Amino acid sequence: MSEAPRPAESRRSAQSVATRTVILAAAQRLMLERGYIPTSIAAIAAEAGVAVQTIYNSVGGKAELLSAVLDLSAAGPDAPGPAPESVARRYAEARTAGDVIRTLVDGIVTANERSAAVHRVIIQAAGVDADLEKLEIRRSTQRLHAYGSAASALRARRGLRSGLSDHEAAAAIWALGHPQAFRSLVTDLGWSGPAYRDWLVKSLQGALS
């Protein structure tokens, strides 16, 4: 049986989380306002009221900061836990393929709405910063792999059409739910949130079932 954390350790852990939260909030404010390239670690440290080294110790460099900001924005401040674990739990609780689709769409729509501005920062900087280009590729790959759990949940509930592999299903979800598709339809073309959600449901059903 593992020992319970000591009070001093619990306080240090809480302080570490609080410091990280302040740093990420400062990084998000400055990067959305100024862009990624013009925002320095020193400026983020000044905005957060911490030392520069504290940022490196708590989060990492600029690319790691932006990656963490993306996670925070996509999950939201009141997320019950890490996004993959929370989504996996909802898939496990789904009774039908329709429930899985609704859970999938809820997650895609919410994440895209919350993180659209951060994704814009990443795309703008990726063309001139090698670290951000690698970050964009890594996060895109992570989304593709994560959708494999949705494909598995659909297959378990007979929600995938015959001949469609889990890999193909995950790729279809990835393409339809991609942040760029959200930006093009909602931000650029002016679709409403309900119109985007309705299109995503119908498109996923048509591609997968």
Protein backbone atom coordinates (compact mmCIF):
# COMPACT_ATOMS: atom_id res chain seq x y z
CA MET A 1 0.00 0.00 0.00
CA SER A 2 1.44 3.38 -1.00
CA GLU A 3 1.86 6.05 1.64
CA ALA A 4 -0.39 9.10 1.59
CA PRO A 5 1.36 12.31 0.51
CA ARG A 6 2.79 14.28 3.40
CA PRO A 7 1.33 17.76 4.04
CA ALA A 8 4.52 19.50 2.89
CA GLU A 9 4.59 17.44 -0.31
CA SER A 10 0.91 18.19 -0.96
CA ARG A 11 1.52 21.91 -0.52
CA ARG A 12 4.48 21.85 -2.90
CA SER A 13 2.44 19.92 -5.46
CA ALA A 14 -0.46 22.38 -5.20
CA GLN A 15 1.93 25.32 -5.52
CA SER A 16 3.53 23.73 -8.58
CA VAL A 17 0.14 23.28 -10.26
CA ALA A 18 -0.87 26.84 -9.39
CA THR A 19 2.38 28.24 -10.77
CA ARG A 20 2.03 26.25 -13.98
CA THR A 21 -1.55 27.49 -14.40
CA VAL A 22 -0.47 31.13 -14.00
CA ILE A 23 2.35 30.63 -16.52
CA LEU A 24 0.08 29.04 -19.11
CA ALA A 25 -2.54 31.76 -18.68
CA ALA A 26 0.13 34.41 -19.24
CA ALA A 27 1.53 32.58 -22.26
CA GLN A 28 -1.93 32.25 -23.79
CA ARG A 29 -2.74 35.94 -23.31
CA LEU A 30 0.50 37.14 -24.86
CA MET A 31 0.66 34.65 -27.73
CA LEU A 32 -2.93 35.36 -28.77
CA GLU A 33 -2.32 39.09 -28.53
CA ARG A 34 1.15 39.32 -30.10
CA GLY A 35 1.65 36.03 -31.92
CA TYR A 36 4.11 33.24 -31.19
CA ILE A 37 7.32 34.66 -32.66
CA PRO A 38 7.19 38.13 -31.00
CA THR A 39 6.37 36.63 -27.57
CA SER A 40 9.54 35.88 -25.61
CA ILE A 41 9.96 33.65 -22.58
CA ALA A 42 11.09 36.75 -20.68
CA ALA A 43 7.84 38.55 -21.54
CA ILE A 44 5.79 35.55 -20.38
CA ALA A 45 7.79 35.43 -17.13
CA ALA A 46 7.15 39.12 -16.52
CA GLU A 47 3.43 38.71 -17.28
CA ALA A 48 3.18 35.72 -14.93
CA GLY A 49 5.33 37.30 -12.21
CA VAL A 50 7.84 34.43 -12.13
CA ALA A 51 11.50 33.92 -12.99
CA VAL A 52 12.43 32.78 -16.50
CA GLN A 53 13.95 29.59 -15.10
CA THR A 54 10.68 28.79 -13.36
CA ILE A 55 9.01 28.56 -16.78
CA TYR A 56 11.63 26.14 -18.06
CA ASN A 57 11.35 24.07 -14.87
CA SER A 58 7.53 24.05 -14.82
CA VAL A 59 6.67 23.69 -18.50
CA GLY A 60 9.66 23.93 -20.84
CA GLY A 61 10.54 26.12 -23.81
CA LYS A 62 8.23 28.12 -26.05
CA ALA A 63 7.03 25.17 -28.14
CA GLU A 64 6.21 23.20 -24.98
CA LEU A 65 4.40 26.23 -23.61
CA LEU A 66 2.22 26.54 -26.69
CA SER A 67 1.52 22.80 -26.67
CA ALA A 68 0.42 23.01 -23.03
CA VAL A 69 -1.69 26.08 -23.81
CA LEU A 70 -3.40 24.09 -26.57
CA ASP A 71 -4.17 21.27 -24.14
CA LEU A 72 -5.56 23.70 -21.60
CA SER A 73 -7.71 25.57 -24.10
CA ALA A 74 -9.10 22.39 -25.69
CA ALA A 75 -9.95 20.73 -22.36
CA GLY A 76 -11.33 23.85 -20.70
CA PRO A 77 -10.73 25.10 -17.15
CA ASP A 78 -13.31 22.77 -15.57
CA ALA A 79 -12.26 19.53 -17.29
CA PRO A 80 -12.81 16.53 -14.97
CA GLY A 81 -9.44 15.04 -15.91
CA PRO A 82 -7.03 14.51 -18.79
CA ALA A 83 -8.95 14.58 -22.08
CA PRO A 84 -8.01 11.08 -23.38
CA GLU A 85 -9.05 9.39 -20.12
CA SER A 86 -12.29 11.36 -19.92
CA VAL A 87 -13.24 10.57 -23.53
CA ALA A 88 -12.33 6.88 -23.14
CA ARG A 89 -14.65 6.68 -20.13
CA ARG A 90 -17.52 8.19 -22.10
CA TYR A 91 -16.95 5.76 -24.98
CA ALA A 92 -17.05 2.86 -22.50
CA GLU A 93 -20.36 4.14 -21.13
CA ALA A 94 -21.93 4.53 -24.59
CA ARG A 95 -24.68 1.97 -25.24
CA THR A 96 -25.09 2.39 -28.99
CA ALA A 97 -23.10 3.49 -32.03
CA GLY A 98 -25.21 6.64 -32.05
CA ASP A 99 -24.07 7.39 -28.50
CA VAL A 100 -20.45 7.03 -29.63
CA ILE A 101 -20.99 9.41 -32.54
CA ARG A 102 -22.62 11.97 -30.27
CA THR A 103 -19.76 11.69 -27.76
CA LEU A 104 -17.24 12.02 -30.59
CA VAL A 105 -18.96 15.07 -32.09
CA ASP A 106 -19.34 16.73 -28.69
CA GLY A 107 -15.60 16.36 -28.11
CA ILE A 108 -14.59 17.60 -31.57
CA VAL A 109 -16.91 20.59 -31.57
CA THR A 110 -16.01 21.68 -28.04
CA ALA A 111 -12.26 21.31 -28.59
CA ASN A 112 -12.36 23.16 -31.91
CA GLU A 113 -14.43 26.00 -30.50
CA ARG A 114 -12.17 26.43 -27.49
CA SER A 115 -8.83 26.07 -29.25
CA ALA A 116 -9.46 27.75 -32.63
CA ALA A 117 -7.46 30.86 -31.70
CA VAL A 118 -4.52 28.80 -30.40
CA HIS A 119 -4.49 26.65 -33.53
CA ARG A 120 -4.34 29.83 -35.58
CA VAL A 121 -1.20 30.87 -33.69
CA ILE A 122 0.37 27.48 -34.37
CA ILE A 123 -0.41 27.54 -38.09
CA GLN A 124 0.87 31.09 -38.49
CA ALA A 125 4.17 30.29 -36.79
CA ALA A 126 4.70 26.80 -38.19
CA GLY A 127 5.72 28.21 -41.56
CA VAL A 128 8.70 30.07 -40.10
CA ASP A 129 9.58 28.12 -36.95
CA ALA A 130 10.85 24.54 -37.19
CA ASP A 131 9.81 23.70 -33.62
CA LEU A 132 6.24 24.80 -34.32
CA GLU A 133 6.17 22.84 -37.57
CA LYS A 134 7.18 19.72 -35.60
CA LEU A 135 4.55 20.55 -32.96
CA GLU A 136 1.81 20.81 -35.59
CA ILE A 137 2.80 17.46 -37.10
CA ARG A 138 3.02 15.81 -33.67
CA ARG A 139 -0.35 17.10 -32.50
CA SER A 140 -2.00 16.16 -35.78
CA THR A 141 -0.60 12.63 -35.44
CA GLN A 142 -1.81 12.42 -31.85
CA ARG A 143 -5.35 13.33 -32.91
CA LEU A 144 -5.28 10.62 -35.59
CA HIS A 145 -4.15 7.98 -33.09
CA ALA A 146 -6.69 9.15 -30.50
CA TYR A 147 -9.56 8.63 -32.93
CA GLY A 148 -8.66 4.97 -33.05
CA SER A 149 -10.49 4.54 -29.73
CA ALA A 150 -13.64 5.99 -31.29
CA ALA A 151 -13.31 3.60 -34.23
CA SER A 152 -12.92 0.66 -31.84
CA ALA A 153 -15.94 1.76 -29.82
CA LEU A 154 -18.02 2.01 -33.00
CA ARG A 155 -16.92 -1.42 -34.20
CA ALA A 156 -17.83 -2.95 -30.84
CA ARG A 157 -21.34 -1.57 -31.28
CA ARG A 158 -21.62 -2.57 -34.95
CA GLY A 159 -21.30 1.05 -36.03
CA LEU A 160 -18.70 0.63 -38.78
CA ARG A 161 -19.69 -0.52 -42.23
CA SER A 162 -18.29 -3.76 -43.60
CA GLY A 163 -14.84 -3.46 -45.14
CA LEU A 164 -13.87 -0.29 -43.29
CA SER A 165 -10.84 -0.81 -41.02
CA ASP A 166 -10.33 0.97 -37.72
CA HIS A 167 -7.38 2.83 -39.27
CA GLU A 168 -9.53 4.03 -42.17
CA ALA A 169 -12.30 5.05 -39.80
CA ALA A 170 -9.86 7.00 -37.61
CA ALA A 171 -8.52 8.77 -40.72
CA ALA A 172 -12.05 9.75 -41.78
CA ILE A 173 -12.79 11.15 -38.30
CA TRP A 174 -9.45 12.99 -38.33
CA ALA A 175 -10.16 14.62 -41.70
CA LEU A 176 -13.74 15.64 -40.93
CA GLY A 177 -12.99 16.88 -37.42
CA HIS A 178 -9.73 18.63 -38.30
CA PRO A 179 -9.31 22.14 -36.80
CA GLN A 180 -8.64 23.49 -40.30
CA ALA A 181 -12.07 22.28 -41.44
CA PHE A 182 -13.62 24.06 -38.45
CA ARG A 183 -11.72 27.27 -39.21
CA SER A 184 -12.70 27.18 -42.88
CA LEU A 185 -16.39 26.52 -42.28
CA VAL A 186 -17.08 28.45 -39.08
CA THR A 187 -14.43 31.17 -38.82
CA ASP A 188 -13.92 31.94 -42.51
CA LEU A 189 -17.29 31.09 -44.08
CA GLY A 190 -19.44 32.08 -41.11
CA TRP A 191 -21.26 28.81 -40.41
CA SER A 192 -23.07 28.79 -37.08
CA GLY A 193 -22.08 26.37 -34.35
CA PRO A 194 -25.28 24.29 -34.75
CA ALA A 195 -24.83 24.14 -38.53
CA TYR A 196 -21.26 22.88 -38.11
CA ARG A 197 -22.32 20.29 -35.54
CA ASP A 198 -25.18 19.04 -37.74
CA TRP A 199 -22.84 18.76 -40.75
CA LEU A 200 -20.26 16.87 -38.69
CA VAL A 201 -22.83 14.34 -37.40
CA LYS A 202 -24.19 13.65 -40.88
CA SER A 203 -20.74 13.50 -42.45
CA LEU A 204 -19.38 11.08 -39.86
CA GLN A 205 -22.44 8.86 -40.12
CA GLY A 206 -22.12 8.84 -43.92
CA ALA A 207 -18.39 8.07 -43.84
CA LEU A 208 -18.44 5.41 -41.12
CA SER A 209 -21.72 3.52 -41.14
